[in-house]
Amino acid sequence: MKRTVVTMLDQAAEKWGSAPYALKKTDAGWSAVSFAEARARSREFAAWLLSIGMKKGNALAILAEGSPEWIMGELGMLMVGCVSVPLSIKLLADEVPFRLNHSEAKAILTTKNQLKKILAAFPAVQDKAIRVVILDDDPDAARATAAAAGVAADRVIGFDEARAAGRAAMGSVGAALEASLAAVDEDDTVTICYTSGTT
């Protein structure tokens, strides 16, 4: 069996399915996502990515605070063979476009805390069709913020909305997802990491 991040998640879901994998602090306390749930949600997100035309080698950026959704979003990317481009939340708006343009990112995963920074960067982003995936739980507010900034609301989708669309598309993209999973290789590029100057 190939040793990839994706196969490691499969093995963990089989071995520790119901065990907590990622935790998120909420008003009600800590909420856990199990290994099996993380795998299922990542697959749903991967199915959505395939349904909108993402393919192996496409770069997708993440500029967000750490969360289970961050993890599952990245795992979903890797299931399709996409390349993750994690960006520091410390970046200024005028530092974001270079990284999106240079990596040729097709989408960016972000949060409400970072959205205005992303939207401020958009005029200098070359790919005018770039998608925005909101990892928080209020995509309607994010769409309103985007529209107010002159960015088409249909370019913004919530992570849970994308997962739901992925579930709905599973009948049409399920075979493609299985093919993508089988095509993930040990030598594939997983991430493009822009640093602050370290080598």
N, C-alpha and C. Protein backbone atom coordinates (compact mmCIF):
# COMPACT_ATOMS: atom_id res chain seq x y z
N MET A 1 0.84 -1.19 0.00
CA MET A 1 0.00 0.00 0.00
C MET A 1 0.88 1.25 0.00
N LYS A 2 0.47 2.23 -0.81
CA LYS A 2 1.21 3.49 -0.85
C LYS A 2 1.09 4.21 0.50
N ARG A 3 2.15 4.89 0.88
CA ARG A 3 2.14 5.66 2.12
C ARG A 3 1.96 7.12 1.78
N THR A 4 0.73 7.59 1.86
CA THR A 4 0.42 8.99 1.60
C THR A 4 -0.40 9.53 2.77
N VAL A 5 -0.58 10.83 2.80
CA VAL A 5 -1.42 11.42 3.85
C VAL A 5 -2.83 10.85 3.77
N VAL A 6 -3.30 10.64 2.56
CA VAL A 6 -4.66 10.11 2.37
C VAL A 6 -4.78 8.69 2.90
N THR A 7 -3.80 7.82 2.59
CA THR A 7 -3.89 6.45 3.09
C THR A 7 -3.69 6.41 4.60
N MET A 8 -2.91 7.32 5.14
CA MET A 8 -2.76 7.37 6.60
C MET A 8 -4.08 7.73 7.27
N LEU A 9 -4.85 8.64 6.65
CA LEU A 9 -6.16 8.97 7.19
C LEU A 9 -7.09 7.76 7.11
N ASP A 10 -7.06 7.05 6.00
CA ASP A 10 -7.87 5.84 5.87
C ASP A 10 -7.54 4.84 6.97
N GLN A 11 -6.27 4.61 7.19
CA GLN A 11 -5.84 3.65 8.21
C GLN A 11 -6.26 4.10 9.61
N ALA A 12 -6.13 5.41 9.87
CA ALA A 12 -6.52 5.93 11.18
C ALA A 12 -8.03 5.80 11.38
N ALA A 13 -8.81 6.06 10.33
CA ALA A 13 -10.27 5.95 10.44
C ALA A 13 -10.69 4.51 10.69
N GLU A 14 -9.95 3.57 10.11
CA GLU A 14 -10.25 2.16 10.34
C GLU A 14 -9.85 1.72 11.75
N LYS A 15 -8.72 2.21 12.22
CA LYS A 15 -8.18 1.77 13.50
C LYS A 15 -8.82 2.48 14.69
N TRP A 16 -9.04 3.80 14.55
CA TRP A 16 -9.55 4.60 15.67
C TRP A 16 -10.80 5.38 15.26
N GLY A 17 -11.68 4.76 14.49
CA GLY A 17 -12.82 5.45 13.89
C GLY A 17 -13.55 6.44 14.76
N SER A 18 -13.96 6.04 15.95
CA SER A 18 -14.77 6.92 16.79
C SER A 18 -13.94 7.79 17.73
N ALA A 19 -12.64 7.62 17.72
CA ALA A 19 -11.78 8.41 18.62
C ALA A 19 -11.67 9.86 18.14
N PRO A 20 -11.57 10.81 19.07
CA PRO A 20 -11.43 12.22 18.67
C PRO A 20 -10.16 12.45 17.86
N TYR A 21 -10.30 13.16 16.76
CA TYR A 21 -9.17 13.49 15.90
C TYR A 21 -8.85 14.98 15.96
N ALA A 22 -9.88 15.81 15.89
CA ALA A 22 -9.67 17.26 15.91
C ALA A 22 -10.72 17.89 16.81
N LEU A 23 -10.30 18.88 17.59
CA LEU A 23 -11.18 19.53 18.54
C LEU A 23 -11.39 20.99 18.17
N LYS A 24 -12.60 21.48 18.49
CA LYS A 24 -12.92 22.89 18.24
C LYS A 24 -13.64 23.44 19.46
N LYS A 25 -13.19 24.61 19.93
CA LYS A 25 -13.83 25.22 21.08
C LYS A 25 -15.06 25.99 20.63
N THR A 26 -16.19 25.69 21.26
CA THR A 26 -17.44 26.37 20.97
C THR A 26 -17.99 26.99 22.25
N ASP A 27 -19.08 27.72 22.13
CA ASP A 27 -19.71 28.31 23.32
C ASP A 27 -20.15 27.23 24.31
N ALA A 28 -20.44 26.05 23.77
CA ALA A 28 -20.89 24.94 24.62
C ALA A 28 -19.74 24.09 25.13
N GLY A 29 -18.52 24.44 24.81
CA GLY A 29 -17.35 23.66 25.22
C GLY A 29 -16.62 23.10 24.01
N TRP A 30 -15.82 22.10 24.24
CA TRP A 30 -15.03 21.50 23.16
C TRP A 30 -15.87 20.51 22.37
N SER A 31 -15.80 20.63 21.06
CA SER A 31 -16.52 19.72 20.16
C SER A 31 -15.48 18.91 19.39
N ALA A 32 -15.68 17.60 19.35
CA ALA A 32 -14.70 16.72 18.71
C ALA A 32 -15.21 16.21 17.37
N VAL A 33 -14.27 16.07 16.43
CA VAL A 33 -14.52 15.39 15.16
C VAL A 33 -13.69 14.11 15.20
N SER A 34 -14.33 12.97 15.00
CA SER A 34 -13.62 11.70 15.07
C SER A 34 -12.83 11.46 13.79
N PHE A 35 -11.96 10.47 13.82
CA PHE A 35 -11.20 10.10 12.63
C PHE A 35 -12.14 9.73 11.48
N ALA A 36 -13.17 8.93 11.79
CA ALA A 36 -14.10 8.49 10.75
C ALA A 36 -14.89 9.68 10.19
N GLU A 37 -15.32 10.59 11.07
CA GLU A 37 -16.05 11.77 10.61
C GLU A 37 -15.16 12.66 9.76
N ALA A 38 -13.92 12.84 10.17
CA ALA A 38 -12.99 13.67 9.40
C ALA A 38 -12.79 13.08 8.00
N ARG A 39 -12.65 11.78 7.93
CA ARG A 39 -12.49 11.13 6.62
C ARG A 39 -13.72 11.34 5.75
N ALA A 40 -14.91 11.14 6.33
CA ALA A 40 -16.15 11.29 5.56
C ALA A 40 -16.34 12.73 5.09
N ARG A 41 -16.09 13.69 5.96
CA ARG A 41 -16.27 15.10 5.60
C ARG A 41 -15.24 15.53 4.56
N SER A 42 -14.03 15.02 4.69
CA SER A 42 -12.99 15.34 3.70
C SER A 42 -13.37 14.79 2.33
N ARG A 43 -13.93 13.59 2.31
CA ARG A 43 -14.38 12.99 1.05
C ARG A 43 -15.51 13.80 0.42
N GLU A 44 -16.41 14.30 1.24
CA GLU A 44 -17.50 15.14 0.72
C GLU A 44 -16.94 16.41 0.09
N PHE A 45 -15.98 17.02 0.78
CA PHE A 45 -15.38 18.23 0.23
C PHE A 45 -14.62 17.91 -1.06
N ALA A 46 -13.94 16.78 -1.08
CA ALA A 46 -13.23 16.36 -2.29
C ALA A 46 -14.21 16.16 -3.45
N ALA A 47 -15.37 15.57 -3.16
CA ALA A 47 -16.37 15.36 -4.21
C ALA A 47 -16.85 16.70 -4.76
N TRP A 48 -17.03 17.68 -3.88
CA TRP A 48 -17.42 19.02 -4.36
C TRP A 48 -16.34 19.61 -5.25
N LEU A 49 -15.09 19.49 -4.82
CA LEU A 49 -13.99 20.01 -5.64
C LEU A 49 -14.01 19.40 -7.04
N LEU A 50 -14.21 18.10 -7.12
CA LEU A 50 -14.29 17.44 -8.42
C LEU A 50 -15.49 17.95 -9.21
N SER A 51 -16.60 18.17 -8.53
CA SER A 51 -17.82 18.60 -9.22
C SER A 51 -17.69 19.98 -9.83
N ILE A 52 -16.78 20.81 -9.30
CA ILE A 52 -16.60 22.15 -9.88
C ILE A 52 -15.38 22.20 -10.81
N GLY A 53 -14.82 21.03 -11.09
CA GLY A 53 -13.76 20.96 -12.09
C GLY A 53 -12.34 20.98 -11.58
N MET A 54 -12.14 20.89 -10.27
CA MET A 54 -10.77 20.84 -9.75
C MET A 54 -10.16 19.50 -10.13
N LYS A 55 -8.84 19.52 -10.34
CA LYS A 55 -8.17 18.29 -10.74
C LYS A 55 -6.77 18.23 -10.15
N LYS A 56 -6.15 17.08 -10.32
CA LYS A 56 -4.82 16.86 -9.77
C LYS A 56 -3.86 17.94 -10.24
N GLY A 57 -3.11 18.48 -9.28
CA GLY A 57 -2.12 19.50 -9.58
C GLY A 57 -2.62 20.92 -9.37
N ASN A 58 -3.95 21.13 -9.30
CA ASN A 58 -4.46 22.47 -9.03
C ASN A 58 -4.06 22.89 -7.62
N ALA A 59 -3.72 24.15 -7.46
CA ALA A 59 -3.36 24.69 -6.15
C ALA A 59 -4.58 25.36 -5.52
N LEU A 60 -4.76 25.13 -4.22
CA LEU A 60 -5.81 25.78 -3.46
C LEU A 60 -5.18 26.32 -2.19
N ALA A 61 -5.43 27.60 -1.91
CA ALA A 61 -4.81 28.25 -0.76
C ALA A 61 -5.69 28.14 0.48
N ILE A 62 -5.06 28.26 1.63
CA ILE A 62 -5.77 28.33 2.90
C ILE A 62 -5.18 29.50 3.69
N LEU A 63 -6.03 30.47 4.02
CA LEU A 63 -5.60 31.56 4.88
C LEU A 63 -6.65 31.64 5.99
N ALA A 64 -6.38 30.95 7.09
CA ALA A 64 -7.37 30.82 8.15
C ALA A 64 -6.71 30.41 9.45
N GLU A 65 -7.44 30.64 10.53
CA GLU A 65 -7.00 30.13 11.82
C GLU A 65 -7.19 28.62 11.83
N GLY A 66 -6.42 27.95 12.67
CA GLY A 66 -6.52 26.49 12.76
C GLY A 66 -7.90 26.05 13.24
N SER A 67 -8.42 24.99 12.63
CA SER A 67 -9.72 24.45 13.01
C SER A 67 -9.87 23.07 12.38
N PRO A 68 -10.84 22.27 12.86
CA PRO A 68 -11.09 20.99 12.19
C PRO A 68 -11.43 21.18 10.71
N GLU A 69 -12.14 22.27 10.39
CA GLU A 69 -12.50 22.53 8.99
C GLU A 69 -11.26 22.80 8.14
N TRP A 70 -10.27 23.48 8.70
CA TRP A 70 -9.00 23.72 8.01
C TRP A 70 -8.39 22.36 7.64
N ILE A 71 -8.34 21.47 8.62
CA ILE A 71 -7.74 20.15 8.42
C ILE A 71 -8.51 19.36 7.36
N MET A 72 -9.84 19.31 7.51
CA MET A 72 -10.64 18.53 6.57
C MET A 72 -10.64 19.13 5.18
N GLY A 73 -10.57 20.46 5.10
CA GLY A 73 -10.45 21.10 3.79
C GLY A 73 -9.16 20.71 3.09
N GLU A 74 -8.07 20.72 3.84
CA GLU A 74 -6.79 20.33 3.23
C GLU A 74 -6.79 18.85 2.86
N LEU A 75 -7.33 18.00 3.71
CA LEU A 75 -7.38 16.58 3.39
C LEU A 75 -8.23 16.33 2.14
N GLY A 76 -9.33 17.07 2.01
CA GLY A 76 -10.16 16.95 0.82
C GLY A 76 -9.40 17.34 -0.44
N MET A 77 -8.61 18.40 -0.34
CA MET A 77 -7.76 18.81 -1.47
C MET A 77 -6.84 17.67 -1.88
N LEU A 78 -6.18 17.09 -0.88
CA LEU A 78 -5.20 16.06 -1.16
C LEU A 78 -5.85 14.82 -1.76
N MET A 79 -7.09 14.54 -1.39
CA MET A 79 -7.79 13.40 -1.97
C MET A 79 -8.01 13.55 -3.47
N VAL A 80 -8.10 14.80 -3.92
CA VAL A 80 -8.28 15.07 -5.35
C VAL A 80 -6.92 15.16 -6.05
N GLY A 81 -5.85 15.23 -5.26
CA GLY A 81 -4.52 15.41 -5.83
C GLY A 81 -4.16 16.87 -5.99
N CYS A 82 -4.96 17.75 -5.36
CA CYS A 82 -4.65 19.18 -5.41
C CYS A 82 -3.48 19.48 -4.47
N VAL A 83 -2.93 20.67 -4.63
CA VAL A 83 -1.79 21.11 -3.85
C VAL A 83 -2.26 22.18 -2.87
N SER A 84 -1.96 22.00 -1.60
CA SER A 84 -2.34 22.95 -0.57
C SER A 84 -1.32 24.08 -0.50
N VAL A 85 -1.84 25.31 -0.40
CA VAL A 85 -0.98 26.49 -0.26
C VAL A 85 -1.39 27.21 1.03
N PRO A 86 -0.83 26.78 2.18
CA PRO A 86 -1.18 27.43 3.44
C PRO A 86 -0.50 28.79 3.56
N LEU A 87 -1.29 29.80 3.93
CA LEU A 87 -0.77 31.15 4.05
C LEU A 87 -0.94 31.65 5.47
N SER A 88 0.02 32.42 5.93
CA SER A 88 -0.01 32.93 7.29
C SER A 88 -1.10 33.98 7.47
N ILE A 89 -1.82 33.89 8.60
CA ILE A 89 -2.83 34.91 8.90
C ILE A 89 -2.18 36.26 9.22
N LYS A 90 -0.86 36.27 9.38
CA LYS A 90 -0.16 37.53 9.64
C LYS A 90 0.10 38.33 8.37
N LEU A 91 -0.15 37.74 7.22
CA LEU A 91 0.07 38.45 5.97
C LEU A 91 -0.83 39.68 5.89
N LEU A 92 -0.30 40.74 5.27
CA LEU A 92 -1.12 41.92 4.98
C LEU A 92 -1.84 41.70 3.66
N ALA A 93 -2.90 42.45 3.44
CA ALA A 93 -3.69 42.27 2.22
C ALA A 93 -2.84 42.43 0.97
N ASP A 94 -1.87 43.34 0.98
CA ASP A 94 -1.06 43.55 -0.22
C ASP A 94 0.02 42.49 -0.40
N GLU A 95 0.16 41.58 0.57
CA GLU A 95 1.10 40.48 0.44
C GLU A 95 0.44 39.19 -0.08
N VAL A 96 -0.88 39.19 -0.07
CA VAL A 96 -1.62 37.99 -0.46
C VAL A 96 -1.61 37.75 -1.97
N PRO A 97 -1.83 38.77 -2.82
CA PRO A 97 -1.94 38.51 -4.26
C PRO A 97 -0.74 37.79 -4.87
N PHE A 98 0.48 38.16 -4.48
CA PHE A 98 1.64 37.49 -5.06
C PHE A 98 1.55 35.99 -4.86
N ARG A 99 1.21 35.58 -3.65
CA ARG A 99 1.16 34.15 -3.32
C ARG A 99 0.05 33.43 -4.08
N LEU A 100 -1.10 34.08 -4.20
CA LEU A 100 -2.19 33.47 -4.96
C LEU A 100 -1.84 33.40 -6.45
N ASN A 101 -1.25 34.46 -6.97
CA ASN A 101 -0.89 34.49 -8.40
C ASN A 101 0.25 33.53 -8.70
N HIS A 102 1.29 33.55 -7.87
CA HIS A 102 2.46 32.70 -8.13
C HIS A 102 2.11 31.22 -8.05
N SER A 103 1.26 30.85 -7.09
CA SER A 103 0.87 29.44 -6.94
C SER A 103 -0.24 29.05 -7.92
N GLU A 104 -0.84 30.05 -8.56
CA GLU A 104 -1.98 29.84 -9.47
C GLU A 104 -3.15 29.18 -8.75
N ALA A 105 -3.41 29.66 -7.55
CA ALA A 105 -4.49 29.11 -6.73
C ALA A 105 -5.84 29.28 -7.41
N LYS A 106 -6.62 28.22 -7.40
CA LYS A 106 -7.96 28.22 -8.00
C LYS A 106 -9.03 28.54 -6.97
N ALA A 107 -8.69 28.43 -5.69
CA ALA A 107 -9.64 28.71 -4.61
C ALA A 107 -8.85 29.06 -3.36
N ILE A 108 -9.54 29.67 -2.42
CA ILE A 108 -8.92 29.96 -1.13
C ILE A 108 -9.92 29.66 -0.03
N LEU A 109 -9.47 28.91 0.97
CA LEU A 109 -10.27 28.61 2.15
C LEU A 109 -9.92 29.64 3.21
N THR A 110 -10.93 30.26 3.81
CA THR A 110 -10.66 31.32 4.77
C THR A 110 -11.78 31.39 5.80
N THR A 111 -11.70 32.38 6.69
CA THR A 111 -12.68 32.56 7.75
C THR A 111 -13.19 33.99 7.73
N LYS A 112 -14.24 34.23 8.51
CA LYS A 112 -14.79 35.59 8.57
C LYS A 112 -13.75 36.58 9.09
N ASN A 113 -12.83 36.12 9.95
CA ASN A 113 -11.79 37.02 10.47
C ASN A 113 -10.82 37.47 9.39
N GLN A 114 -10.64 36.66 8.36
CA GLN A 114 -9.66 36.95 7.32
C GLN A 114 -10.30 37.41 6.00
N LEU A 115 -11.62 37.35 5.93
CA LEU A 115 -12.31 37.59 4.65
C LEU A 115 -12.05 38.98 4.08
N LYS A 116 -12.12 40.01 4.90
CA LYS A 116 -11.92 41.36 4.37
C LYS A 116 -10.52 41.52 3.78
N LYS A 117 -9.54 40.87 4.40
CA LYS A 117 -8.17 40.89 3.88
C LYS A 117 -8.12 40.23 2.50
N ILE A 118 -8.79 39.10 2.38
CA ILE A 118 -8.83 38.38 1.10
C ILE A 118 -9.52 39.24 0.04
N LEU A 119 -10.66 39.81 0.39
CA LEU A 119 -11.41 40.62 -0.57
C LEU A 119 -10.62 41.86 -0.99
N ALA A 120 -9.88 42.44 -0.05
CA ALA A 120 -9.05 43.62 -0.38
C ALA A 120 -7.94 43.25 -1.35
N ALA A 121 -7.51 41.98 -1.30
CA ALA A 121 -6.44 41.52 -2.20
C ALA A 121 -6.94 41.18 -3.59
N PHE A 122 -8.24 40.91 -3.73
CA PHE A 122 -8.78 40.38 -4.98
C PHE A 122 -8.53 41.24 -6.23
N PRO A 123 -8.56 42.57 -6.14
CA PRO A 123 -8.31 43.34 -7.38
C PRO A 123 -6.97 43.02 -8.04
N ALA A 124 -5.98 42.58 -7.25
CA ALA A 124 -4.66 42.27 -7.81
C ALA A 124 -4.49 40.78 -8.09
N VAL A 125 -5.53 39.98 -7.86
CA VAL A 125 -5.45 38.54 -8.13
C VAL A 125 -5.80 38.31 -9.59
N GLN A 126 -4.95 37.58 -10.30
CA GLN A 126 -5.11 37.40 -11.73
C GLN A 126 -6.29 36.52 -12.10
N ASP A 127 -6.54 35.47 -11.33
CA ASP A 127 -7.63 34.55 -11.64
C ASP A 127 -8.94 35.14 -11.11
N LYS A 128 -9.70 35.74 -11.97
CA LYS A 128 -10.94 36.41 -11.55
C LYS A 128 -12.05 35.42 -11.22
N ALA A 129 -11.82 34.14 -11.48
CA ALA A 129 -12.82 33.12 -11.16
C ALA A 129 -12.48 32.38 -9.87
N ILE A 130 -11.47 32.83 -9.15
CA ILE A 130 -11.05 32.15 -7.92
C ILE A 130 -12.23 32.03 -6.96
N ARG A 131 -12.37 30.87 -6.34
CA ARG A 131 -13.46 30.59 -5.41
C ARG A 131 -13.02 30.89 -3.99
N VAL A 132 -13.99 31.21 -3.13
CA VAL A 132 -13.74 31.44 -1.71
C VAL A 132 -14.60 30.46 -0.92
N VAL A 133 -13.95 29.66 -0.08
CA VAL A 133 -14.66 28.72 0.78
C VAL A 133 -14.55 29.24 2.21
N ILE A 134 -15.69 29.50 2.82
CA ILE A 134 -15.73 30.03 4.18
C ILE A 134 -15.81 28.86 5.16
N LEU A 135 -14.82 28.76 6.03
CA LEU A 135 -14.75 27.65 6.97
C LEU A 135 -15.65 27.85 8.18
N ASP A 136 -16.10 29.10 8.40
CA ASP A 136 -16.99 29.40 9.52
C ASP A 136 -18.42 28.96 9.19
N ASP A 137 -19.32 29.22 10.15
CA ASP A 137 -20.68 28.73 10.01
C ASP A 137 -21.68 29.78 9.51
N ASP A 138 -21.23 30.90 8.94
CA ASP A 138 -22.16 31.92 8.46
C ASP A 138 -21.80 32.37 7.05
N PRO A 139 -21.97 31.48 6.06
CA PRO A 139 -21.61 31.85 4.69
C PRO A 139 -22.47 32.97 4.11
N ASP A 140 -23.72 33.12 4.60
CA ASP A 140 -24.57 34.19 4.09
C ASP A 140 -23.97 35.56 4.41
N ALA A 141 -23.45 35.71 5.63
CA ALA A 141 -22.81 36.96 6.00
C ALA A 141 -21.56 37.18 5.15
N ALA A 142 -20.83 36.11 4.87
CA ALA A 142 -19.63 36.22 4.04
C ALA A 142 -19.99 36.64 2.62
N ARG A 143 -21.09 36.09 2.08
CA ARG A 143 -21.52 36.49 0.74
C ARG A 143 -21.93 37.96 0.70
N ALA A 144 -22.59 38.42 1.77
CA ALA A 144 -22.97 39.83 1.83
C ALA A 144 -21.74 40.73 1.89
N THR A 145 -20.74 40.31 2.66
CA THR A 145 -19.49 41.08 2.75
C THR A 145 -18.79 41.10 1.40
N ALA A 146 -18.79 39.96 0.71
CA ALA A 146 -18.17 39.88 -0.61
C ALA A 146 -18.89 40.78 -1.61
N ALA A 147 -20.21 40.72 -1.60
CA ALA A 147 -20.99 41.54 -2.53
C ALA A 147 -20.74 43.02 -2.29
N ALA A 148 -20.64 43.42 -1.01
CA ALA A 148 -20.37 44.81 -0.68
C ALA A 148 -18.99 45.25 -1.17
N ALA A 149 -18.08 44.28 -1.30
CA ALA A 149 -16.73 44.58 -1.78
C ALA A 149 -16.63 44.43 -3.30
N GLY A 150 -17.74 44.17 -3.96
CA GLY A 150 -17.74 44.05 -5.41
C GLY A 150 -17.35 42.68 -5.93
N VAL A 151 -17.36 41.68 -5.06
CA VAL A 151 -17.04 40.31 -5.47
C VAL A 151 -18.34 39.53 -5.56
N ALA A 152 -18.56 38.87 -6.68
CA ALA A 152 -19.80 38.15 -6.90
C ALA A 152 -20.05 37.14 -5.78
N ALA A 153 -21.26 37.18 -5.22
CA ALA A 153 -21.60 36.30 -4.11
C ALA A 153 -21.53 34.84 -4.50
N ASP A 154 -21.72 34.52 -5.79
CA ASP A 154 -21.69 33.11 -6.20
C ASP A 154 -20.28 32.53 -6.23
N ARG A 155 -19.29 33.37 -5.96
CA ARG A 155 -17.92 32.87 -5.83
C ARG A 155 -17.62 32.42 -4.41
N VAL A 156 -18.56 32.62 -3.49
CA VAL A 156 -18.37 32.32 -2.07
C VAL A 156 -19.29 31.17 -1.67
N ILE A 157 -18.74 30.17 -1.00
CA ILE A 157 -19.52 29.05 -0.51
C ILE A 157 -19.02 28.66 0.87
N GLY A 158 -19.92 28.23 1.71
CA GLY A 158 -19.53 27.75 3.03
C GLY A 158 -18.99 26.33 2.94
N PHE A 159 -18.13 25.98 3.87
CA PHE A 159 -17.54 24.64 3.88
C PHE A 159 -18.63 23.58 4.00
N ASP A 160 -19.57 23.79 4.90
CA ASP A 160 -20.65 22.80 5.06
C ASP A 160 -21.53 22.76 3.82
N GLU A 161 -21.73 23.91 3.17
CA GLU A 161 -22.49 23.92 1.91
C GLU A 161 -21.75 23.14 0.83
N ALA A 162 -20.44 23.31 0.78
CA ALA A 162 -19.64 22.57 -0.21
C ALA A 162 -19.72 21.07 0.07
N ARG A 163 -19.67 20.70 1.34
CA ARG A 163 -19.79 19.28 1.69
C ARG A 163 -21.14 18.73 1.27
N ALA A 164 -22.20 19.50 1.51
CA ALA A 164 -23.55 19.05 1.13
C ALA A 164 -23.64 18.90 -0.39
N ALA A 165 -23.06 19.83 -1.11
CA ALA A 165 -23.05 19.73 -2.57
C ALA A 165 -22.22 18.53 -3.02
N GLY A 166 -21.16 18.24 -2.29
CA GLY A 166 -20.34 17.07 -2.60
C GLY A 166 -21.11 15.77 -2.38
N ARG A 167 -21.89 15.72 -1.29
CA ARG A 167 -22.72 14.54 -1.05
C ARG A 167 -23.73 14.36 -2.18
N ALA A 168 -24.34 15.48 -2.59
CA ALA A 168 -25.34 15.42 -3.66
C ALA A 168 -24.72 15.00 -4.98
N ALA A 169 -23.45 15.37 -5.19
CA ALA A 169 -22.78 15.06 -6.46
C ALA A 169 -22.10 13.70 -6.45
N MET A 170 -22.13 13.00 -5.31
CA MET A 170 -21.37 11.76 -5.19
C MET A 170 -21.76 10.74 -6.26
N GLY A 171 -23.04 10.72 -6.65
CA GLY A 171 -23.46 9.78 -7.68
C GLY A 171 -22.77 10.02 -9.01
N SER A 172 -22.53 11.29 -9.33
CA SER A 172 -21.92 11.61 -10.62
C SER A 172 -20.40 11.67 -10.56
N VAL A 173 -19.84 11.96 -9.39
CA VAL A 173 -18.38 12.09 -9.30
C VAL A 173 -17.75 10.99 -8.44
N GLY A 174 -18.55 10.07 -7.93
CA GLY A 174 -18.01 9.03 -7.05
C GLY A 174 -16.90 8.23 -7.69
N ALA A 175 -17.11 7.83 -8.95
CA ALA A 175 -16.07 7.06 -9.65
C ALA A 175 -14.82 7.89 -9.85
N ALA A 176 -15.01 9.18 -10.17
CA ALA A 176 -13.86 10.07 -10.34
C ALA A 176 -13.11 10.26 -9.03
N LEU A 177 -13.86 10.30 -7.92
CA LEU A 177 -13.21 10.44 -6.62
C LEU A 177 -12.38 9.20 -6.31
N GLU A 178 -12.93 8.03 -6.55
CA GLU A 178 -12.16 6.81 -6.30
C GLU A 178 -10.92 6.76 -7.18
N ALA A 179 -11.05 7.21 -8.43
CA ALA A 179 -9.89 7.25 -9.34
C ALA A 179 -8.85 8.25 -8.83
N SER A 180 -9.32 9.38 -8.33
CA SER A 180 -8.39 10.39 -7.79
C SER A 180 -7.66 9.85 -6.57
N LEU A 181 -8.40 9.18 -5.68
CA LEU A 181 -7.78 8.60 -4.49
C LEU A 181 -6.72 7.57 -4.88
N ALA A 182 -7.04 6.76 -5.88
CA ALA A 182 -6.08 5.73 -6.31
C ALA A 182 -4.86 6.35 -6.98
N ALA A 183 -5.05 7.54 -7.56
CA ALA A 183 -3.95 8.18 -8.29
C ALA A 183 -3.01 8.97 -7.39
N VAL A 184 -3.41 9.22 -6.14
CA VAL A 184 -2.53 9.96 -5.22
C VAL A 184 -1.29 9.11 -4.99
N ASP A 185 -0.12 9.73 -5.19
CA ASP A 185 1.13 8.97 -5.11
C ASP A 185 2.05 9.54 -4.05
N GLU A 186 3.00 8.74 -3.65
CA GLU A 186 3.94 9.16 -2.60
C GLU A 186 4.82 10.33 -3.03
N ASP A 187 5.01 10.50 -4.32
CA ASP A 187 5.88 11.56 -4.81
C ASP A 187 5.12 12.81 -5.24
N ASP A 188 3.81 12.84 -5.04
CA ASP A 188 3.02 14.01 -5.42
C ASP A 188 3.39 15.22 -4.56
N THR A 189 3.29 16.39 -5.15
CA THR A 189 3.46 17.61 -4.38
C THR A 189 2.23 17.79 -3.51
N VAL A 190 2.45 18.00 -2.22
CA VAL A 190 1.35 18.13 -1.27
C VAL A 190 1.12 19.59 -0.90
N THR A 191 2.20 20.35 -0.76
CA THR A 191 2.04 21.73 -0.29
C THR A 191 3.09 22.64 -0.91
N ILE A 192 2.68 23.89 -1.11
CA ILE A 192 3.61 24.96 -1.47
C ILE A 192 3.56 25.92 -0.30
N CYS A 193 4.66 26.03 0.41
CA CYS A 193 4.68 26.83 1.63
C CYS A 193 5.55 28.07 1.43
N TYR A 194 4.91 29.23 1.43
CA TYR A 194 5.63 30.49 1.32
C TYR A 194 6.06 30.92 2.71
N THR A 195 7.36 31.07 2.90
CA THR A 195 7.86 31.44 4.22
C THR A 195 8.19 32.92 4.28
N SER A 196 8.61 33.36 5.44
CA SER A 196 8.94 34.79 5.63
C SER A 196 10.41 35.05 5.37
N GLY A 197 11.10 34.08 4.79
CA GLY A 197 12.50 34.31 4.48
C GLY A 197 13.40 33.16 4.89
N THR A 198 12.88 32.21 5.67
CA THR A 198 13.69 31.06 6.04
C THR A 198 13.88 30.15 4.85
N THR A 199 14.91 29.34 4.87
CA THR A 199 15.17 28.44 3.74
C THR A 199 15.15 27.01 4.23
